[in-house]
Amino acid sequence: MIQFAADEDLDNHIVRGLRHRLPEVDVVRVQEVDLSGAPDESVLAWAADMDRVSTMTAAAHSRIARGEALPGLIIVPQSLAIGAAIEDLVLVATCSVSDDWANHVRFIPLA
């Protein structure tokens, strides 16, 4: 199953809802690994080292352009309803593999 790294801006309700809906999901908030307030490049480097698909948008395209690994990036608009975000993240977690996301930036909703 895909592992996620949730940035500081991802709504906590989405993280809690995802964990509730899919208890086996492996989602880590940057605050949980002492990366709160860290520069975007540091967070993306950590996510790449840990093979985690991130929700952090800043610096991702630059990282790809430099040829550095990016396990994937999912952009969750703050205007998206929490339930819709959770449903799409459950779909991503259960219906795809890490290689599907490597070096890609994708937006939800998926439809």
PDB file of N, CA and C in Angstrom:
ATOM      1  N   MET A   1       0.845  -1.177   0.000  1.00  0.00           N
ATOM      2  CA  MET A   1       0.000   0.000   0.000  1.00  0.00           C
ATOM      3  C   MET A   1       0.894   1.245   0.000  1.00  0.00           C
ATOM      4  N   ILE A   2       0.451   2.264  -0.658  1.00  0.00           N
ATOM      5  CA  ILE A   2       1.184   3.519  -0.732  1.00  0.00           C
ATOM      6  C   ILE A   2       1.302   4.137   0.647  1.00  0.00           C
ATOM      7  N   GLN A   3       2.476   4.701   0.921  1.00  0.00           N
ATOM      8  CA  GLN A   3       2.710   5.434   2.160  1.00  0.00           C
ATOM      9  C   GLN A   3       2.626   6.924   1.854  1.00  0.00           C
ATOM     10  N   PHE A   4       2.011   7.675   2.754  1.00  0.00           N
ATOM     11  CA  PHE A   4       1.822   9.102   2.551  1.00  0.00           C
ATOM     12  C   PHE A   4       2.630   9.924   3.543  1.00  0.00           C
ATOM     13  N   ALA A   5       3.062  11.095   3.100  1.00  0.00           N
ATOM     14  CA  ALA A   5       3.640  12.117   3.957  1.00  0.00           C
ATOM     15  C   ALA A   5       2.733  13.340   3.823  1.00  0.00           C
ATOM     16  N   ALA A   6       2.060  13.697   4.900  1.00  0.00           N
ATOM     17  CA  ALA A   6       1.122  14.825   4.871  1.00  0.00           C
ATOM     18  C   ALA A   6       1.826  16.093   5.343  1.00  0.00           C
ATOM     19  N   ASP A   7       1.755  17.132   4.536  1.00  0.00           N
ATOM     20  CA  ASP A   7       2.398  18.386   4.916  1.00  0.00           C
ATOM     21  C   ASP A   7       1.564  19.118   5.967  1.00  0.00           C
ATOM     22  N   GLU A   8       2.118  20.190   6.491  1.00  0.00           N
ATOM     23  CA  GLU A   8       1.471  20.931   7.574  1.00  0.00           C
ATOM     24  C   GLU A   8       0.152  21.565   7.155  1.00  0.00           C
ATOM     25  N   ASP A   9      -0.022  21.822   5.873  1.00  0.00           N
ATOM     26  CA  ASP A   9      -1.231  22.493   5.406  1.00  0.00           C
ATOM     27  C   ASP A   9      -2.403  21.551   5.157  1.00  0.00           C
ATOM     28  N   LEU A  10      -2.159  20.247   5.155  1.00  0.00           N
ATOM     29  CA  LEU A  10      -3.261  19.313   4.924  1.00  0.00           C
ATOM     30  C   LEU A  10      -4.152  19.290   6.163  1.00  0.00           C
ATOM     31  N   ASP A  11      -5.422  19.484   5.951  1.00  0.00           N
ATOM     32  CA  ASP A  11      -6.402  19.549   7.040  1.00  0.00           C
ATOM     33  C   ASP A  11      -6.321  18.302   7.922  1.00  0.00           C
ATOM     34  N   ASN A  12      -6.193  18.498   9.218  1.00  0.00           N
ATOM     35  CA  ASN A  12      -6.120  17.376  10.167  1.00  0.00           C
ATOM     36  C   ASN A  12      -7.350  16.485  10.100  1.00  0.00           C
ATOM     37  N   HIS A  13      -8.498  17.057   9.745  1.00  0.00           N
ATOM     38  CA  HIS A  13      -9.717  16.258   9.607  1.00  0.00           C
ATOM     39  C   HIS A  13      -9.568  15.215   8.494  1.00  0.00           C
ATOM     40  N   ILE A  14      -8.849  15.573   7.446  1.00  0.00           N
ATOM     41  CA  ILE A  14      -8.622  14.635   6.346  1.00  0.00           C
ATOM     42  C   ILE A  14      -7.722  13.494   6.824  1.00  0.00           C
ATOM     43  N   VAL A  15      -6.659  13.825   7.532  1.00  0.00           N
ATOM     44  CA  VAL A  15      -5.751  12.785   8.032  1.00  0.00           C
ATOM     45  C   VAL A  15      -6.491  11.857   8.986  1.00  0.00           C
ATOM     46  N   ARG A  16      -7.227  12.422   9.936  1.00  0.00           N
ATOM     47  CA  ARG A  16      -7.976  11.589  10.889  1.00  0.00           C
ATOM     48  C   ARG A  16      -9.031  10.750  10.183  1.00  0.00           C
ATOM     49  N   GLY A  17      -9.737  11.346   9.239  1.00  0.00           N
ATOM     50  CA  GLY A  17     -10.759  10.619   8.498  1.00  0.00           C
ATOM     51  C   GLY A  17     -10.178   9.483   7.671  1.00  0.00           C
ATOM     52  N   LEU A  18      -9.035   9.728   7.052  1.00  0.00           N
ATOM     53  CA  LEU A  18      -8.363   8.688   6.264  1.00  0.00           C
ATOM     54  C   LEU A  18      -7.934   7.539   7.164  1.00  0.00           C
ATOM     55  N   ARG A  19      -7.356   7.874   8.310  1.00  0.00           N
ATOM     56  CA  ARG A  19      -6.937   6.832   9.252  1.00  0.00           C
ATOM     57  C   ARG A  19      -8.128   6.055   9.806  1.00  0.00           C
ATOM     58  N   HIS A  20      -9.242   6.736  10.010  1.00  0.00           N
ATOM     59  CA  HIS A  20     -10.453   6.067  10.505  1.00  0.00           C
ATOM     60  C   HIS A  20     -11.051   5.153   9.436  1.00  0.00           C
ATOM     61  N   ARG A  21     -11.132   5.661   8.222  1.00  0.00           N
ATOM     62  CA  ARG A  21     -11.747   4.919   7.117  1.00  0.00           C
ATOM     63  C   ARG A  21     -10.895   3.749   6.655  1.00  0.00           C
ATOM     64  N   LEU A  22      -9.565   3.898   6.755  1.00  0.00           N
ATOM     65  CA  LEU A  22      -8.633   2.886   6.275  1.00  0.00           C
ATOM     66  C   LEU A  22      -7.534   2.716   7.338  1.00  0.00           C
ATOM     67  N   PRO A  23      -7.846   1.987   8.421  1.00  0.00           N
ATOM     68  CA  PRO A  23      -6.912   1.899   9.548  1.00  0.00           C
ATOM     69  C   PRO A  23      -5.509   1.422   9.185  1.00  0.00           C
ATOM     70  N   GLU A  24      -5.381   0.655   8.133  1.00  0.00           N
ATOM     71  CA  GLU A  24      -4.058   0.139   7.758  1.00  0.00           C
ATOM     72  C   GLU A  24      -3.225   1.140   6.960  1.00  0.00           C
ATOM     73  N   VAL A  25      -3.784   2.294   6.638  1.00  0.00           N
ATOM     74  CA  VAL A  25      -3.056   3.279   5.848  1.00  0.00           C
ATOM     75  C   VAL A  25      -1.853   3.789   6.644  1.00  0.00           C
ATOM     76  N   ASP A  26      -0.763   4.020   5.937  1.00  0.00           N
ATOM     77  CA  ASP A  26       0.459   4.539   6.545  1.00  0.00           C
ATOM     78  C   ASP A  26       0.592   5.993   6.117  1.00  0.00           C
ATOM     79  N   VAL A  27       0.091   6.887   6.960  1.00  0.00           N
ATOM     80  CA  VAL A  27       0.180   8.324   6.694  1.00  0.00           C
ATOM     81  C   VAL A  27       0.870   8.979   7.879  1.00  0.00           C
ATOM     82  N   VAL A  28       1.900   9.759   7.576  1.00  0.00           N
ATOM     83  CA  VAL A  28       2.667  10.446   8.598  1.00  0.00           C
ATOM     84  C   VAL A  28       2.605  11.940   8.315  1.00  0.00           C
ATOM     85  N   ARG A  29       2.255  12.707   9.330  1.00  0.00           N
ATOM     86  CA  ARG A  29       2.296  14.170   9.201  1.00  0.00           C
ATOM     87  C   ARG A  29       3.717  14.632   9.496  1.00  0.00           C
ATOM     88  N   VAL A  30       4.164  15.665   8.814  1.00  0.00           N
ATOM     89  CA  VAL A  30       5.524  16.141   9.024  1.00  0.00           C
ATOM     90  C   VAL A  30       5.755  16.542  10.483  1.00  0.00           C
ATOM     91  N   GLN A  31       4.699  16.967  11.164  1.00  0.00           N
ATOM     92  CA  GLN A  31       4.822  17.333  12.569  1.00  0.00           C
ATOM     93  C   GLN A  31       5.185  16.125  13.435  1.00  0.00           C
ATOM     94  N   GLU A  32       4.801  14.935  12.997  1.00  0.00           N
ATOM     95  CA  GLU A  32       5.050  13.718  13.760  1.00  0.00           C
ATOM     96  C   GLU A  32       6.504  13.237  13.646  1.00  0.00           C
ATOM     97  N   VAL A  33       7.236  13.787  12.695  1.00  0.00           N
ATOM     98  CA  VAL A  33       8.631  13.374  12.498  1.00  0.00           C
ATOM     99  C   VAL A  33       9.576  14.572  12.632  1.00  0.00           C
ATOM    100  N   ASP A  34       9.150  15.533  13.427  1.00  0.00           N
ATOM    101  CA  ASP A  34       9.968  16.712  13.743  1.00  0.00           C
ATOM    102  C   ASP A  34      10.409  17.510  12.523  1.00  0.00           C
ATOM    103  N   LEU A  35       9.547  17.603  11.517  1.00  0.00           N
ATOM    104  CA  LEU A  35       9.855  18.414  10.345  1.00  0.00           C
ATOM    105  C   LEU A  35       8.954  19.642  10.251  1.00  0.00           C
ATOM    106  N   SER A  36       8.246  19.927  11.315  1.00  0.00           N
ATOM    107  CA  SER A  36       7.378  21.095  11.341  1.00  0.00           C
ATOM    108  C   SER A  36       8.219  22.353  11.136  1.00  0.00           C
ATOM    109  N   GLY A  37       7.843  23.165  10.164  1.00  0.00           N
ATOM    110  CA  GLY A  37       8.568  24.389   9.870  1.00  0.00           C
ATOM    111  C   GLY A  37       9.833  24.197   9.054  1.00  0.00           C
ATOM    112  N   ALA A  38      10.138  22.960   8.694  1.00  0.00           N
ATOM    113  CA  ALA A  38      11.346  22.693   7.892  1.00  0.00           C
ATOM    114  C   ALA A  38      11.153  23.239   6.471  1.00  0.00           C
ATOM    115  N   PRO A  39      12.250  23.601   5.802  1.00  0.00           N
ATOM    116  CA  PRO A  39      12.138  24.067   4.415  1.00  0.00           C
ATOM    117  C   PRO A  39      11.500  22.989   3.531  1.00  0.00           C
ATOM    118  N   ASP A  40      10.773  23.436   2.517  1.00  0.00           N
ATOM    119  CA  ASP A  40      10.070  22.516   1.615  1.00  0.00           C
ATOM    120  C   ASP A  40      11.002  21.460   1.042  1.00  0.00           C
ATOM    121  N   GLU A  41      12.201  21.870   0.625  1.00  0.00           N
ATOM    122  CA  GLU A  41      13.154  20.918   0.042  1.00  0.00           C
ATOM    123  C   GLU A  41      13.522  19.818   1.039  1.00  0.00           C
ATOM    124  N   SER A  42      13.649  20.163   2.308  1.00  0.00           N
ATOM    125  CA  SER A  42      13.987  19.168   3.329  1.00  0.00           C
ATOM    126  C   SER A  42      12.854  18.169   3.517  1.00  0.00           C
ATOM    127  N   VAL A  43      11.635  18.672   3.503  1.00  0.00           N
ATOM    128  CA  VAL A  43      10.475  17.793   3.671  1.00  0.00           C
ATOM    129  C   VAL A  43      10.358  16.854   2.474  1.00  0.00           C
ATOM    130  N   LEU A  44      10.525  17.382   1.268  1.00  0.00           N
ATOM    131  CA  LEU A  44      10.440  16.533   0.074  1.00  0.00           C
ATOM    132  C   LEU A  44      11.581  15.522   0.026  1.00  0.00           C
ATOM    133  N   ALA A  45      12.761  15.925   0.474  1.00  0.00           N
ATOM    134  CA  ALA A  45      13.894  14.983   0.516  1.00  0.00           C
ATOM    135  C   ALA A  45      13.599  13.864   1.507  1.00  0.00           C
ATOM    136  N   TRP A  46      13.048  14.206   2.665  1.00  0.00           N
ATOM    137  CA  TRP A  46      12.684  13.188   3.656  1.00  0.00           C
ATOM    138  C   TRP A  46      11.634  12.240   3.065  1.00  0.00           C
ATOM    139  N   ALA A  47      10.596  12.804   2.429  1.00  0.00           N
ATOM    140  CA  ALA A  47       9.545  11.971   1.826  1.00  0.00           C
ATOM    141  C   ALA A  47      10.138  11.036   0.778  1.00  0.00           C
ATOM    142  N   ALA A  48      11.075  11.539  -0.024  1.00  0.00           N
ATOM    143  CA  ALA A  48      11.720  10.699  -1.046  1.00  0.00           C
ATOM    144  C   ALA A  48      12.539   9.590  -0.398  1.00  0.00           C
ATOM    145  N   ASP A  49      13.291   9.939   0.637  1.00  0.00           N
ATOM    146  CA  ASP A  49      14.099   8.929   1.338  1.00  0.00           C
ATOM    147  C   ASP A  49      13.226   7.840   1.954  1.00  0.00           C
ATOM    148  N   MET A  50      12.029   8.214   2.394  1.00  0.00           N
ATOM    149  CA  MET A  50      11.117   7.274   3.051  1.00  0.00           C
ATOM    150  C   MET A  50      10.129   6.646   2.057  1.00  0.00           C
ATOM    151  N   ASP A  51      10.255   6.988   0.761  1.00  0.00           N
ATOM    152  CA  ASP A  51       9.375   6.481  -0.300  1.00  0.00           C
ATOM    153  C   ASP A  51       7.906   6.764   0.011  1.00  0.00           C
ATOM    154  N   ARG A  52       7.630   8.015   0.386  1.00  0.00           N
ATOM    155  CA  ARG A  52       6.273   8.435   0.723  1.00  0.00           C
ATOM    156  C   ARG A  52       5.750   9.432  -0.302  1.00  0.00           C
ATOM    157  N   VAL A  53       4.548   9.220  -0.772  1.00  0.00           N
ATOM    158  CA  VAL A  53       3.869  10.163  -1.640  1.00  0.00           C
ATOM    159  C   VAL A  53       3.472  11.347  -0.763  1.00  0.00           C
ATOM    160  N   SER A  54       3.808  12.531  -1.196  1.00  0.00           N
ATOM    161  CA  SER A  54       3.613  13.732  -0.398  1.00  0.00           C
ATOM    162  C   SER A  54       2.387  14.521  -0.836  1.00  0.00           C
ATOM    163  N   THR A  55       1.951  15.411   0.053  1.00  0.00           N
ATOM    164  CA  THR A  55       0.875  16.336  -0.285  1.00  0.00           C
ATOM    165  C   THR A  55       1.414  17.762  -0.363  1.00  0.00           C
ATOM    166  N   MET A  56       2.713  17.902  -0.405  1.00  0.00           N
ATOM    167  CA  MET A  56       3.341  19.219  -0.401  1.00  0.00           C
ATOM    168  C   MET A  56       3.649  19.661  -1.825  1.00  0.00           C
ATOM    169  N   THR A  57       3.147  20.823  -2.209  1.00  0.00           N
ATOM    170  CA  THR A  57       3.311  21.262  -3.594  1.00  0.00           C
ATOM    171  C   THR A  57       4.604  22.009  -3.858  1.00  0.00           C
ATOM    172  N   ALA A  58       5.020  22.833  -2.943  1.00  0.00           N
ATOM    173  CA  ALA A  58       6.175  23.684  -3.189  1.00  0.00           C
ATOM    174  C   ALA A  58       7.423  22.847  -3.464  1.00  0.00           C
ATOM    175  N   ALA A  59       8.158  23.232  -4.448  1.00  0.00           N
ATOM    176  CA  ALA A  59       9.464  22.666  -4.792  1.00  0.00           C
ATOM    177  C   ALA A  59       9.414  21.306  -5.492  1.00  0.00           C
ATOM    178  N   ALA A  60       8.266  20.713  -5.664  1.00  0.00           N
ATOM    179  CA  ALA A  60       8.192  19.379  -6.282  1.00  0.00           C
ATOM    180  C   ALA A  60       8.652  19.397  -7.742  1.00  0.00           C
ATOM    181  N   HIS A  61       8.186  20.356  -8.507  1.00  0.00           N
ATOM    182  CA  HIS A  61       8.574  20.416  -9.920  1.00  0.00           C
ATOM    183  C   HIS A  61      10.074  20.667 -10.076  1.00  0.00           C
ATOM    184  N   SER A  62      10.632  21.482  -9.209  1.00  0.00           N
ATOM    185  CA  SER A  62      12.078  21.738  -9.252  1.00  0.00           C
ATOM    186  C   SER A  62      12.848  20.455  -8.971  1.00  0.00           C
ATOM    187  N   ARG A  63      12.373  19.696  -8.025  1.00  0.00           N
ATOM    188  CA  ARG A  63      13.020  18.433  -7.657  1.00  0.00           C
ATOM    189  C   ARG A  63      13.025  17.474  -8.853  1.00  0.00           C
ATOM    190  N   ILE A  64      11.889  17.362  -9.532  1.00  0.00           N
ATOM    191  CA  ILE A  64      11.789  16.490 -10.711  1.00  0.00           C
ATOM    192  C   ILE A  64      12.722  16.993 -11.807  1.00  0.00           C
ATOM    193  N   ALA A  65      12.739  18.313 -12.030  1.00  0.00           N
ATOM    194  CA  ALA A  65      13.583  18.894 -13.082  1.00  0.00           C
ATOM    195  C   ALA A  65      15.065  18.634 -12.824  1.00  0.00           C
ATOM    196  N   ARG A  66      15.452  18.572 -11.560  1.00  0.00           N
ATOM    197  CA  ARG A  66      16.854  18.292 -11.227  1.00  0.00           C
ATOM    198  C   ARG A  66      17.173  16.801 -11.297  1.00  0.00           C
ATOM    199  N   GLY A  67      16.172  15.978 -11.579  1.00  0.00           N
ATOM    200  CA  GLY A  67      16.395  14.542 -11.666  1.00  0.00           C
ATOM    201  C   GLY A  67      16.422  13.843 -10.322  1.00  0.00           C
ATOM    202  N   GLU A  68      15.950  14.523  -9.287  1.00  0.00           N
ATOM    203  CA  GLU A  68      15.902  13.925  -7.957  1.00  0.00           C
ATOM    204  C   GLU A  68      14.599  13.153  -7.792  1.00  0.00           C
ATOM    205  N   ALA A  69      14.652  12.090  -7.042  1.00  0.00           N
ATOM    206  CA  ALA A  69      13.482  11.227  -6.860  1.00  0.00           C
ATOM    207  C   ALA A  69      12.335  11.973  -6.182  1.00  0.00           C
ATOM    208  N   LEU A  70      11.148  11.692  -6.641  1.00  0.00           N
ATOM    209  CA  LEU A  70       9.919  12.178  -6.014  1.00  0.00           C
ATOM    210  C   LEU A  70       8.934  11.017  -6.066  1.00  0.00           C
ATOM    211  N   PRO A  71       8.659  10.392  -4.927  1.00  0.00           N
ATOM    212  CA  PRO A  71       7.749   9.242  -4.931  1.00  0.00           C
ATOM    213  C   PRO A  71       6.347   9.590  -5.418  1.00  0.00           C
ATOM    214  N   GLY A  72       6.061  10.858  -5.565  1.00  0.00           N
ATOM    215  CA  GLY A  72       4.770  11.312  -6.055  1.00  0.00           C
ATOM    216  C   GLY A  72       4.260  12.453  -5.204  1.00  0.00           C
ATOM    217  N   LEU A  73       3.344  13.209  -5.785  1.00  0.00           N
ATOM    218  CA  LEU A  73       2.771  14.346  -5.082  1.00  0.00           C
ATOM    219  C   LEU A  73       1.281  14.400  -5.387  1.00  0.00           C
ATOM    220  N   ILE A  74       0.496  14.496  -4.349  1.00  0.00           N
ATOM    221  CA  ILE A  74      -0.948  14.637  -4.488  1.00  0.00           C
ATOM    222  C   ILE A  74      -1.325  16.007  -3.965  1.00  0.00           C
ATOM    223  N   ILE A  75      -1.937  16.799  -4.809  1.00  0.00           N
ATOM    224  CA  ILE A  75      -2.363  18.127  -4.404  1.00  0.00           C
ATOM    225  C   ILE A  75      -3.826  18.066  -3.985  1.00  0.00           C
ATOM    226  N   VAL A  76      -4.071  18.446  -2.736  1.00  0.00           N
ATOM    227  CA  VAL A  76      -5.406  18.438  -2.161  1.00  0.00           C
ATOM    228  C   VAL A  76      -5.822  19.893  -1.965  1.00  0.00           C
ATOM    229  N   PRO A  77      -6.667  20.420  -2.847  1.00  0.00           N
ATOM    230  CA  PRO A  77      -7.086  21.818  -2.700  1.00  0.00           C
ATOM    231  C   PRO A  77      -7.812  22.036  -1.375  1.00  0.00           C
ATOM    232  N   GLN A  78      -7.523  23.149  -0.717  1.00  0.00           N
ATOM    233  CA  GLN A  78      -8.174  23.438   0.555  1.00  0.00           C
ATOM    234  C   GLN A  78      -9.667  23.638   0.393  1.00  0.00           C
ATOM    235  N   SER A  79     -10.103  23.933  -0.821  1.00  0.00           N
ATOM    236  CA  SER A  79     -11.530  24.115  -1.066  1.00  0.00           C
ATOM    237  C   SER A  79     -12.282  22.793  -1.243  1.00  0.00           C
ATOM    238  N   LEU A  80     -11.556  21.692  -1.365  1.00  0.00           N
ATOM    239  CA  LEU A  80     -12.186  20.387  -1.569  1.00  0.00           C
ATOM    240  C   LEU A  80     -12.845  19.926  -0.276  1.00  0.00           C
ATOM    241  N   ALA A  81     -14.050  19.405  -0.376  1.00  0.00           N
ATOM    242  CA  ALA A  81     -14.758  18.897   0.793  1.00  0.00           C
ATOM    243  C   ALA A  81     -13.945  17.779   1.441  1.00  0.00           C
ATOM    244  N   ILE A  82     -13.933  17.764   2.757  1.00  0.00           N
ATOM    245  CA  ILE A  82     -13.137  16.786   3.506  1.00  0.00           C
ATOM    246  C   ILE A  82     -13.504  15.358   3.108  1.00  0.00           C
ATOM    247  N   GLY A  83     -14.798  15.061   3.024  1.00  0.00           N
ATOM    248  CA  GLY A  83     -15.236  13.717   2.651  1.00  0.00           C
ATOM    249  C   GLY A  83     -14.739  13.307   1.276  1.00  0.00           C
ATOM    250  N   ALA A  84     -14.778  14.230   0.331  1.00  0.00           N
ATOM    251  CA  ALA A  84     -14.300  13.934  -1.022  1.00  0.00           C
ATOM    252  C   ALA A  84     -12.795  13.673  -1.024  1.00  0.00           C
ATOM    253  N   ALA A  85     -12.051  14.450  -0.240  1.00  0.00           N
ATOM    254  CA  ALA A  85     -10.600  14.241  -0.146  1.00  0.00           C
ATOM    255  C   ALA A  85     -10.292  12.873   0.442  1.00  0.00           C
ATOM    256  N   ILE A  86     -11.005  12.512   1.496  1.00  0.00           N
ATOM    257  CA  ILE A  86     -10.789  11.209   2.130  1.00  0.00           C
ATOM    258  C   ILE A  86     -11.092  10.087   1.150  1.00  0.00           C
ATOM    259  N   GLU A  87     -12.213  10.166   0.450  1.00  0.00           N
ATOM    260  CA  GLU A  87     -12.591   9.116  -0.503  1.00  0.00           C
ATOM    261  C   GLU A  87     -11.530   8.948  -1.589  1.00  0.00           C
ATOM    262  N   ASP A  88     -11.027  10.052  -2.128  1.00  0.00           N
ATOM    263  CA  ASP A  88     -10.010   9.942  -3.178  1.00  0.00           C
ATOM    264  C   ASP A  88      -8.700   9.393  -2.628  1.00  0.00           C
ATOM    265  N   LEU A  89      -8.327   9.773  -1.422  1.00  0.00           N
ATOM    266  CA  LEU A  89      -7.091   9.239  -0.839  1.00  0.00           C
ATOM    267  C   LEU A  89      -7.216   7.753  -0.518  1.00  0.00           C
ATOM    268  N   VAL A  90      -8.405   7.313  -0.098  1.00  0.00           N
ATOM    269  CA  VAL A  90      -8.642   5.880   0.098  1.00  0.00           C
ATOM    270  C   VAL A  90      -8.490   5.155  -1.234  1.00  0.00           C
ATOM    271  N   LEU A  91      -9.055   5.720  -2.283  1.00  0.00           N
ATOM    272  CA  LEU A  91      -8.941   5.133  -3.619  1.00  0.00           C
ATOM    273  C   LEU A  91      -7.472   5.038  -4.050  1.00  0.00           C
ATOM    274  N   VAL A  92      -6.721   6.105  -3.856  1.00  0.00           N
ATOM    275  CA  VAL A  92      -5.301   6.101  -4.194  1.00  0.00           C
ATOM    276  C   VAL A  92      -4.566   5.021  -3.411  1.00  0.00           C
ATOM    277  N   ALA A  93      -4.828   4.963  -2.106  1.00  0.00           N
ATOM    278  CA  ALA A  93      -4.116   4.017  -1.231  1.00  0.00           C
ATOM    279  C   ALA A  93      -4.420   2.570  -1.569  1.00  0.00           C
ATOM    280  N   THR A  94      -5.650   2.287  -1.972  1.00  0.00           N
ATOM    281  CA  THR A  94      -6.052   0.898  -2.173  1.00  0.00           C
ATOM    282  C   THR A  94      -5.987   0.423  -3.617  1.00  0.00           C
ATOM    283  N   CYS A  95      -5.941   1.343  -4.565  1.00  0.00           N
ATOM    284  CA  CYS A  95      -6.029   0.936  -5.970  1.00  0.00           C
ATOM    285  C   CYS A  95      -4.803   1.293  -6.807  1.00  0.00           C
ATOM    286  N   SER A  96      -3.739   1.709  -6.165  1.00  0.00           N
ATOM    287  CA  SER A  96      -2.536   2.013  -6.932  1.00  0.00           C
ATOM    288  C   SER A  96      -1.308   1.534  -6.160  1.00  0.00           C
ATOM    289  N   VAL A  97      -0.200   1.522  -6.859  1.00  0.00           N
ATOM    290  CA  VAL A  97       1.071   1.143  -6.246  1.00  0.00           C
ATOM    291  C   VAL A  97       2.027   2.322  -6.366  1.00  0.00           C
ATOM    292  N   SER A  98       3.076   2.285  -5.599  1.00  0.00           N
ATOM    293  CA  SER A  98       4.021   3.400  -5.553  1.00  0.00           C
ATOM    294  C   SER A  98       4.532   3.805  -6.929  1.00  0.00           C
ATOM    295  N   ASP A  99       4.825   2.846  -7.780  1.00  0.00           N
ATOM    296  CA  ASP A  99       5.355   3.160  -9.113  1.00  0.00           C
ATOM    297  C   ASP A  99       4.390   3.997  -9.949  1.00  0.00           C
ATOM    298  N   ASP A 100       3.091   3.899  -9.669  1.00  0.00           N
ATOM    299  CA  ASP A 100       2.102   4.706 -10.394  1.00  0.00           C
ATOM    300  C   ASP A 100       2.301   6.201 -10.153  1.00  0.00           C
ATOM    301  N   TRP A 101       2.907   6.544  -9.039  1.00  0.00           N
ATOM    302  CA  TRP A 101       3.010   7.937  -8.614  1.00  0.00           C
ATOM    303  C   TRP A 101       4.404   8.527  -8.796  1.00  0.00           C
ATOM    304  N   ALA A 102       5.405   7.697  -9.028  1.00  0.00           N
ATOM    305  CA  ALA A 102       6.789   8.175  -9.091  1.00  0.00           C
ATOM    306  C   ALA A 102       6.955   9.318 -10.084  1.00  0.00           C
ATOM    307  N   ASN A 103       7.509  10.424  -9.586  1.00  0.00           N
ATOM    308  CA  ASN A 103       7.807  11.624 -10.375  1.00  0.00           C
ATOM    309  C   ASN A 103       6.584  12.245 -11.043  1.00  0.00           C
ATOM    310  N   HIS A 104       5.411  12.040 -10.443  1.00  0.00           N
ATOM    311  CA  HIS A 104       4.186  12.646 -10.956  1.00  0.00           C
ATOM    312  C   HIS A 104       3.578  13.581  -9.913  1.00  0.00           C
ATOM    313  N   VAL A 105       2.956  14.621 -10.408  1.00  0.00           N
ATOM    314  CA  VAL A 105       2.190  15.544  -9.570  1.00  0.00           C
ATOM    315  C   VAL A 105       0.745  15.449 -10.061  1.00  0.00           C
ATOM    316  N   ARG A 106      -0.159  15.080  -9.158  1.00  0.00           N
ATOM    317  CA  ARG A 106      -1.564  14.915  -9.554  1.00  0.00           C
ATOM    318  C   ARG A 106      -2.470  15.618  -8.549  1.00  0.00           C
ATOM    319  N   PHE A 107      -3.589  16.074  -9.052  1.00  0.00           N
ATOM    320  CA  PHE A 107      -4.571  16.783  -8.242  1.00  0.00           C
ATOM    321  C   PHE A 107      -5.731  15.839  -7.904  1.00  0.00           C
ATOM    322  N   ILE A 108      -6.323  16.048  -6.729  1.00  0.00           N
ATOM    323  CA  ILE A 108      -7.624  15.448  -6.458  1.00  0.00           C
ATOM    324  C   ILE A 108      -8.604  16.613  -6.353  1.00  0.00           C
ATOM    325  N   PRO A 109      -9.865  16.410  -6.707  1.00  0.00           N
ATOM    326  CA  PRO A 109     -10.499  15.133  -6.971  1.00  0.00           C
ATOM    327  C   PRO A 109     -10.007  14.493  -8.266  1.00  0.00           C
ATOM    328  N   LEU A 110     -10.034  13.172  -8.249  1.00  0.00           N
ATOM    329  CA  LEU A 110      -9.531  12.398  -9.381  1.00  0.00           C
ATOM    330  C   LEU A 110     -10.480  12.423 -10.586  1.00  0.00           C
ATOM    331  N   ALA A 111     -11.747  12.606 -10.327  1.00  0.00           N
ATOM    332  CA  ALA A 111     -12.744  12.564 -11.420  1.00  0.00           C
ATOM    333  C   ALA A 111     -12.643  13.736 -12.344  1.00  0.00           C
TER     334      ALA A 111
END
